[in-house]
Amino acid sequence: MDSFTASVDTQPPTQLQTLRDVARAVSRLLPQQWSEQSTGGRSLDGVKSAHVLEFATPNGERLVLLINVSRSVEPRDIPRAASRATSLAESVNGVPVVAATYLSPRSRTILEDSGVGYADTTGVVRIESGAPGLFILVAGADRDPWPRQSGLQSLRGRGSARAVRALVDSIPPLGIRELAAKSGASPASVSRVADLLDREALIVRTKRGPITEVDWAGVIQRWARDYDQMRSNTVYQFLTPRGLANFEKRLIDTDSEFAATGAFAAQQFDPVAPARVVTVYTENPFALADALDLREADNGINVILLEPYDRVVFDGTLIRDGLPTVTPSQLAVDLLTGPGREPSQGEEILEWMKENEHVWRT
């Protein structure tokens, strides 16, 4: 479904426009056999932000949708919006739906976990009803067409990566200066990252105090929206003519500094089908390639050497069956943004991390 207003306006829709556009879009998505009881719906008495849509099914069942526009769309404010929509819906015996100009993927996840429907003006819609039976799910934009002009908006870059790694790999409570010392990033950079993750409801922190809780899996997934294994690092492609089994043995025996990542490293944590391509971080790709007799190639590639975006990829390196691998947090984001079936392996690594937190988090 096309966005309702995002493609034509440089300013975000007003509350009234959002309510109107979302109500119309939801009405169009319902089964054609369902009749709308009042064309265009009606406002909820005394509540400007709320709109009621009523429909009747061919067998006489009744569906009432309570659409409530939330002014604040940041994830940390979504629980309050969900609670308000639910309360208003109870007054009309309806299904609660939170509407906004834009709802981020994180906001949608929180709403789904709360059992509340949602819709925004970029085309996103998710509504579920048990009686009458109904499920609507429509994708929209994953980036805000009207981003805030203040505050950090992206986790792209060295400072952000270092701050994220320290947050994920460390057990709270964690102060900003402590995180800066652990990560090597400046306190200002760590503070900006913390502000972004606070807005995304991925951390909990006390007022003027330390960070007390970190949704580390959510932080990694949020980082993956801005990071990309093959774009954030410099990529060199090679062929090892003797096969990967021989290459792995020679790689382990080399004196060069390296850390395995991607599907190659994932095998060391959660054995799956053998990796068809070996991916390795090294600060001296051509020196390592010469030491291992690799040939540069455009086709038949089975070895990828990555010159890292930052030396943080070597922090916390683990030895698995003699092979140095990146820490699970780095491995997870590499897989989630990697080629082929690596994103699904990234989800598997996140599950491994949840079950083995004592192994990698300190």
Protein backbone atom coordinates (compact mmCIF):
# COMPACT_ATOMS: atom_id res chain seq x y z
CA MET A 1 0.00 0.00 0.00
CA ASP A 2 1.29 3.48 -0.82
CA SER A 3 2.01 5.92 1.97
CA PHE A 4 -0.87 8.25 2.69
CA THR A 5 0.87 11.62 2.94
CA ALA A 6 4.62 11.09 3.33
CA SER A 7 5.33 11.22 -0.40
CA VAL A 8 3.81 14.66 -0.96
CA ASP A 9 4.44 16.69 2.20
CA THR A 10 7.74 17.92 3.56
CA GLN A 11 6.14 18.49 6.97
CA PRO A 12 4.57 15.68 9.02
CA PRO A 13 0.77 15.44 8.92
CA THR A 14 -1.20 17.15 11.66
CA GLN A 15 -3.09 15.15 14.25
CA LEU A 16 -6.34 15.63 12.32
CA GLN A 17 -4.75 14.62 9.01
CA THR A 18 -3.20 11.54 10.60
CA LEU A 19 -6.53 10.49 12.10
CA ARG A 20 -8.36 11.02 8.81
CA ASP A 21 -5.80 9.27 6.62
CA VAL A 22 -5.36 6.27 8.91
CA ALA A 23 -9.13 5.82 9.34
CA ARG A 24 -9.65 5.87 5.57
CA ALA A 25 -6.81 3.43 4.95
CA VAL A 26 -8.05 0.98 7.58
CA SER A 27 -11.57 1.11 6.13
CA ARG A 28 -10.21 0.26 2.67
CA LEU A 29 -8.33 -2.76 4.03
CA LEU A 30 -11.33 -4.45 5.64
CA PRO A 31 -13.22 -7.13 3.66
CA GLN A 32 -15.54 -5.62 1.05
CA GLN A 33 -18.45 -7.66 2.39
CA TRP A 34 -18.23 -5.85 5.73
CA SER A 35 -20.50 -2.80 5.85
CA GLU A 36 -19.44 0.39 7.58
CA GLN A 37 -22.11 1.45 10.06
CA SER A 38 -21.35 5.16 9.88
CA THR A 39 -19.53 6.47 6.82
CA GLY A 40 -16.15 7.83 7.85
CA GLY A 41 -16.65 6.79 11.45
CA ARG A 42 -17.21 9.17 14.35
CA SER A 43 -15.20 11.06 16.92
CA LEU A 44 -15.18 9.80 20.47
CA ASP A 45 -17.07 12.22 22.69
CA GLY A 46 -14.70 14.66 24.36
CA VAL A 47 -11.53 13.11 22.89
CA LYS A 48 -10.17 14.91 19.82
CA SER A 49 -7.43 12.37 19.26
CA ALA A 50 -9.78 9.37 19.05
CA HIS A 51 -11.92 8.04 16.21
CA VAL A 52 -14.40 5.15 16.22
CA LEU A 53 -15.03 2.92 13.21
CA GLU A 54 -17.88 0.42 13.32
CA PHE A 55 -18.46 -2.44 10.87
CA ALA A 56 -20.90 -5.30 10.53
CA THR A 57 -20.03 -8.65 8.96
CA PRO A 58 -22.41 -10.54 6.67
CA ASN A 59 -23.32 -12.91 9.53
CA GLY A 60 -24.20 -10.05 11.86
CA GLU A 61 -21.02 -9.81 13.94
CA ARG A 62 -19.87 -6.31 14.94
CA LEU A 63 -16.36 -4.89 14.85
CA VAL A 64 -15.50 -1.64 16.60
CA LEU A 65 -12.07 -0.07 16.10
CA LEU A 66 -10.89 2.69 18.42
CA ILE A 67 -8.15 4.65 16.65
CA ASN A 68 -6.20 6.99 18.89
CA VAL A 69 -3.53 9.31 17.55
CA SER A 70 -0.37 9.51 19.62
CA ARG A 71 1.48 12.84 19.47
CA SER A 72 4.71 11.30 20.76
CA VAL A 73 5.94 8.43 18.60
CA GLU A 74 9.23 7.57 20.29
CA PRO A 75 9.38 3.97 21.52
CA ARG A 76 9.89 4.98 25.15
CA ASP A 77 6.46 6.70 25.05
CA ILE A 78 4.64 3.88 23.26
CA PRO A 79 3.61 1.96 26.43
CA ARG A 80 1.71 5.06 27.60
CA ALA A 81 0.07 5.41 24.19
CA ALA A 82 -0.91 1.73 24.18
CA SER A 83 -2.41 2.04 27.65
CA ARG A 84 -4.46 5.10 26.66
CA ALA A 85 -5.74 3.46 23.46
CA THR A 86 -6.70 0.34 25.41
CA SER A 87 -8.56 2.38 28.02
CA LEU A 88 -10.48 4.34 25.37
CA ALA A 89 -11.29 1.13 23.48
CA GLU A 90 -12.80 -0.41 26.60
CA SER A 91 -15.28 2.48 26.80
CA VAL A 92 -16.75 1.45 23.41
CA ASN A 93 -16.03 -2.29 23.65
CA GLY A 94 -13.64 -1.95 20.73
CA VAL A 95 -10.22 -3.02 19.44
CA PRO A 96 -7.48 -0.48 20.32
CA VAL A 97 -5.37 0.94 17.50
CA VAL A 98 -2.54 3.45 18.01
CA ALA A 99 -2.07 5.81 15.06
CA ALA A 100 0.86 8.13 14.40
CA THR A 101 2.61 9.95 11.59
CA TYR A 102 5.38 7.33 11.79
CA LEU A 103 5.96 4.25 13.95
CA SER A 104 9.46 2.81 14.03
CA PRO A 105 10.06 -0.97 13.93
CA ARG A 106 10.85 -0.81 17.65
CA SER A 107 7.56 1.00 18.38
CA ARG A 108 5.64 -1.61 16.41
CA THR A 109 7.28 -4.43 18.36
CA ILE A 110 6.28 -2.83 21.67
CA LEU A 111 2.69 -2.40 20.46
CA GLU A 112 2.51 -6.01 19.27
CA ASP A 113 3.79 -7.20 22.65
CA SER A 114 1.06 -5.08 24.27
CA GLY A 115 -1.64 -6.63 22.09
CA VAL A 116 -2.51 -3.25 20.55
CA GLY A 117 -3.03 -2.59 16.85
CA TYR A 118 -1.29 0.22 15.02
CA ALA A 119 -1.18 2.26 11.81
CA ASP A 120 0.87 5.18 10.51
CA THR A 121 0.84 7.53 7.56
CA THR A 122 3.66 5.71 5.73
CA GLY A 123 1.30 2.77 5.11
CA VAL A 124 2.01 0.56 8.12
CA VAL A 125 -1.09 -1.24 9.45
CA ARG A 126 -1.47 -4.13 11.90
CA ILE A 127 -4.89 -4.97 13.34
CA GLU A 128 -6.04 -8.21 14.91
CA SER A 129 -9.47 -9.24 16.19
CA GLY A 130 -10.69 -12.54 17.58
CA ALA A 131 -14.41 -11.98 17.10
CA PRO A 132 -15.09 -11.30 14.34
CA GLY A 133 -11.92 -12.97 13.08
CA LEU A 134 -9.61 -10.47 11.39
CA PHE A 135 -5.89 -10.04 10.83
CA ILE A 136 -4.39 -7.23 8.75
CA LEU A 137 -0.65 -6.68 8.32
CA VAL A 138 0.70 -4.17 5.81
CA ALA A 139 4.29 -2.95 5.59
CA GLY A 140 5.29 0.68 5.38
CA ALA A 141 8.48 2.69 5.87
CA ASP A 142 11.26 1.55 8.19
CA ARG A 143 12.77 5.03 8.36
CA ASP A 144 11.10 8.21 9.53
CA PRO A 145 10.24 10.56 6.62
CA TRP A 146 10.33 13.42 9.13
CA PRO A 147 13.34 12.70 11.39
CA ARG A 148 14.04 14.80 14.44
CA GLN A 149 16.64 17.47 13.83
CA SER A 150 18.20 17.17 17.28
CA GLY A 151 19.96 14.23 18.86
CA LEU A 152 21.84 11.29 17.36
CA GLN A 153 19.81 9.54 14.65
CA SER A 154 22.14 6.73 13.57
CA LEU A 155 24.51 4.19 15.11
CA ARG A 156 26.79 4.37 12.09
CA GLY A 157 30.42 5.21 12.79
CA ARG A 158 33.33 4.21 15.01
CA GLY A 159 32.33 6.02 18.17
CA SER A 160 28.80 4.65 18.07
CA ALA A 161 30.03 1.12 17.37
CA ARG A 162 32.43 1.25 20.30
CA ALA A 163 29.71 2.55 22.63
CA VAL A 164 27.25 -0.11 21.46
CA ARG A 165 29.78 -2.91 21.91
CA ALA A 166 30.56 -1.76 25.45
CA LEU A 167 26.86 -1.50 26.33
CA VAL A 168 26.08 -4.94 24.95
CA ASP A 169 29.12 -6.77 26.31
CA SER A 170 29.01 -5.31 29.84
CA ILE A 171 26.69 -6.12 32.72
CA PRO A 172 24.92 -3.06 34.19
CA PRO A 173 24.80 -0.82 36.13
CA LEU A 174 26.96 1.24 33.81
CA GLY A 175 27.85 4.92 34.02
CA ILE A 176 28.65 7.05 30.97
CA ARG A 177 32.27 7.62 32.01
CA GLU A 178 32.70 3.94 32.83
CA LEU A 179 31.41 3.01 29.39
CA ALA A 180 33.67 5.59 27.78
CA ALA A 181 36.68 4.12 29.57
CA LYS A 182 35.72 0.58 28.54
CA SER A 183 35.00 1.45 24.92
CA GLY A 184 37.64 4.03 24.14
CA ALA A 185 34.90 6.34 22.82
CA SER A 186 34.49 9.85 24.19
CA PRO A 187 31.96 10.44 27.00
CA ALA A 188 30.07 12.75 24.63
CA SER A 189 29.78 10.00 21.99
CA VAL A 190 28.64 7.44 24.58
CA SER A 191 26.10 9.92 25.96
CA ARG A 192 24.62 10.53 22.49
CA VAL A 193 24.33 6.78 21.87
CA ALA A 194 22.67 6.33 25.27
CA ASP A 195 20.18 9.10 24.44
CA LEU A 196 19.24 7.40 21.16
CA LEU A 197 18.81 3.99 22.82
CA ASP A 198 16.79 5.59 25.63
CA ARG A 199 14.41 7.09 23.06
CA GLU A 200 14.16 3.66 21.47
CA ALA A 201 13.28 2.11 24.88
CA LEU A 202 16.28 -0.22 24.63
CA ILE A 203 17.93 0.87 27.87
CA VAL A 204 16.71 1.97 31.29
CA ARG A 205 18.64 4.60 33.19
CA THR A 206 18.12 6.57 36.34
CA LYS A 207 17.89 10.33 36.22
CA ARG A 208 21.46 11.65 36.20
CA GLY A 209 22.58 8.16 37.18
CA PRO A 210 23.81 4.94 35.58
CA ILE A 211 22.19 2.73 32.97
CA THR A 212 20.51 -0.05 34.94
CA GLU A 213 19.08 -2.27 32.18
CA VAL A 214 20.09 -3.01 28.58
CA ASP A 215 18.00 -4.93 26.05
CA TRP A 216 21.21 -6.12 24.42
CA ALA A 217 19.50 -8.19 21.71
CA GLY A 218 17.36 -5.19 20.78
CA VAL A 219 20.45 -2.96 20.75
CA ILE A 220 22.23 -5.31 18.35
CA GLN A 221 19.18 -5.40 16.06
CA ARG A 222 18.96 -1.60 16.18
CA TRP A 223 22.69 -1.34 15.37
CA ALA A 224 22.12 -3.63 12.37
CA ARG A 225 19.82 -1.01 10.84
CA ASP A 226 22.81 1.32 10.36
CA TYR A 227 25.73 -1.09 10.09
CA ASP A 228 26.49 -3.38 7.15
CA GLN A 229 29.18 -6.08 7.18
CA MET A 230 30.13 -5.60 3.54
CA ARG A 231 29.81 -1.81 3.42
CA SER A 232 31.08 -0.73 6.82
CA ASN A 233 34.36 -2.61 6.24
CA THR A 234 36.73 -2.68 3.25
CA VAL A 235 36.23 -5.96 1.38
CA TYR A 236 38.91 -8.02 -0.42
CA GLN A 237 37.89 -11.22 -2.25
CA PHE A 238 40.10 -14.24 -2.78
CA LEU A 239 40.21 -17.87 -3.81
CA THR A 240 42.06 -20.56 -1.89
CA PRO A 241 42.77 -23.30 -4.45
CA ARG A 242 43.46 -26.01 -1.85
CA GLY A 243 39.99 -25.91 -0.29
CA LEU A 244 38.59 -24.48 2.93
CA ALA A 245 39.55 -27.34 5.25
CA ASN A 246 43.23 -26.91 4.38
CA PHE A 247 42.88 -23.13 4.55
CA GLU A 248 41.37 -23.18 8.05
CA LYS A 249 44.27 -25.24 9.39
CA ARG A 250 46.85 -22.92 7.83
CA LEU A 251 44.92 -19.87 9.05
CA ILE A 252 45.00 -21.09 12.66
CA ASP A 253 48.75 -21.69 12.38
CA THR A 254 49.55 -18.22 11.04
CA ASP A 255 51.22 -15.59 13.22
CA SER A 256 49.08 -12.78 11.76
CA GLU A 257 46.41 -11.08 13.89
CA PHE A 258 42.92 -11.95 12.65
CA ALA A 259 39.40 -12.73 13.85
CA ALA A 260 36.92 -14.94 12.04
CA THR A 261 33.37 -13.74 11.52
CA GLY A 262 30.29 -14.51 9.41
CA ALA A 263 29.06 -18.05 8.75
CA PHE A 264 32.61 -19.34 9.20
CA ALA A 265 32.73 -18.16 12.81
CA ALA A 266 29.08 -19.05 13.46
CA GLN A 267 29.96 -22.73 13.03
CA GLN A 268 32.07 -22.48 16.16
CA PHE A 269 29.07 -21.41 18.27
CA ASP A 270 26.13 -23.23 16.77
CA PRO A 271 27.13 -25.94 14.26
CA VAL A 272 25.12 -25.72 11.06
CA ALA A 273 25.84 -26.53 7.43
CA PRO A 274 29.54 -25.98 6.63
CA ALA A 275 30.38 -22.43 5.55
CA ARG A 276 31.02 -22.06 1.85
CA VAL A 277 32.94 -18.83 2.33
CA VAL A 278 35.47 -17.93 5.03
CA THR A 279 35.24 -14.34 6.27
CA VAL A 280 38.10 -12.95 8.35
CA TYR A 281 38.97 -9.56 9.82
CA THR A 282 42.58 -8.51 9.39
CA GLU A 283 44.30 -5.14 9.32
CA ASN A 284 46.77 -6.38 6.71
CA PRO A 285 44.67 -8.23 4.10
CA PHE A 286 47.36 -8.55 1.45
CA ALA A 287 50.03 -9.68 3.91
CA LEU A 288 47.67 -12.40 5.19
CA ALA A 289 46.71 -13.32 1.62
CA ASP A 290 50.39 -13.72 0.68
CA ALA A 291 51.09 -15.83 3.76
CA LEU A 292 48.22 -18.18 2.90
CA ASP A 293 48.77 -18.26 -0.89
CA LEU A 294 45.41 -16.70 -1.70
CA ARG A 295 44.57 -15.50 -5.19
CA GLU A 296 42.54 -12.38 -5.82
CA ALA A 297 39.35 -13.35 -7.63
CA ASP A 298 36.05 -12.05 -8.97
CA ASN A 299 34.50 -15.49 -9.42
CA GLY A 300 34.61 -18.68 -7.38
CA ILE A 301 35.36 -16.63 -4.27
CA ASN A 302 35.69 -18.66 -1.07
CA VAL A 303 37.70 -16.31 1.16
CA ILE A 304 36.78 -12.74 2.11
CA LEU A 305 39.24 -10.62 4.05
CA LEU A 306 37.77 -7.57 5.76
CA GLU A 307 39.85 -4.55 6.68
CA PRO A 308 37.85 -3.49 9.76
CA TYR A 309 36.04 -0.22 10.22
CA ASP A 310 37.69 -0.05 13.66
CA ARG A 311 39.93 -2.19 15.86
CA VAL A 312 36.97 -2.77 18.15
CA VAL A 313 36.27 -5.92 16.10
CA PHE A 314 39.28 -7.50 17.82
CA ASP A 315 38.12 -6.58 21.34
CA GLY A 316 36.94 -9.60 23.28
CA THR A 317 38.16 -12.08 20.67
CA LEU A 318 37.31 -15.66 21.68
CA ILE A 319 39.23 -18.84 20.84
CA ARG A 320 36.86 -21.58 19.64
CA ASP A 321 38.51 -24.89 18.78
CA GLY A 322 41.77 -23.03 18.24
CA LEU A 323 40.19 -20.42 15.94
CA PRO A 324 40.15 -16.75 17.01
CA THR A 325 36.65 -15.41 16.41
CA VAL A 326 35.00 -12.06 17.01
CA THR A 327 32.94 -11.72 20.16
CA PRO A 328 29.30 -12.87 19.79
CA SER A 329 27.97 -9.29 19.73
CA GLN A 330 30.14 -8.42 16.72
CA LEU A 331 29.36 -11.76 15.10
CA ALA A 332 25.62 -11.22 15.51
CA VAL A 333 25.61 -7.82 13.80
CA ASP A 334 27.90 -9.12 11.03
CA LEU A 335 25.56 -12.03 10.36
CA LEU A 336 22.37 -9.94 10.56
CA THR A 337 23.75 -7.68 7.83
CA GLY A 338 25.64 -10.34 5.87
CA PRO A 339 24.88 -11.97 2.50
CA GLY A 340 22.86 -15.09 1.70
CA ARG A 341 21.44 -16.98 4.65
CA GLU A 342 23.66 -15.21 7.18
CA PRO A 343 20.81 -13.04 8.59
CA SER A 344 18.96 -16.19 9.67
CA GLN A 345 22.17 -17.43 11.27
CA GLY A 346 22.35 -14.09 13.04
CA GLU A 347 19.00 -14.82 14.69
CA GLU A 348 20.36 -18.22 15.76
CA ILE A 349 23.42 -16.59 17.29
CA LEU A 350 21.19 -14.23 19.26
CA GLU A 351 19.43 -17.28 20.68
CA TRP A 352 22.79 -18.83 21.54
CA MET A 353 23.77 -15.61 23.28
CA LYS A 354 20.60 -15.64 25.39
CA GLU A 355 21.32 -19.19 26.52
CA ASN A 356 25.03 -18.57 27.15
CA GLU A 357 25.15 -15.03 28.47
CA HIS A 358 27.60 -16.08 31.19
CA VAL A 359 30.12 -17.05 28.50
CA TRP A 360 30.41 -13.75 26.65
CA ARG A 361 29.04 -10.94 28.87
CA THR A 362 31.14 -9.51 31.70
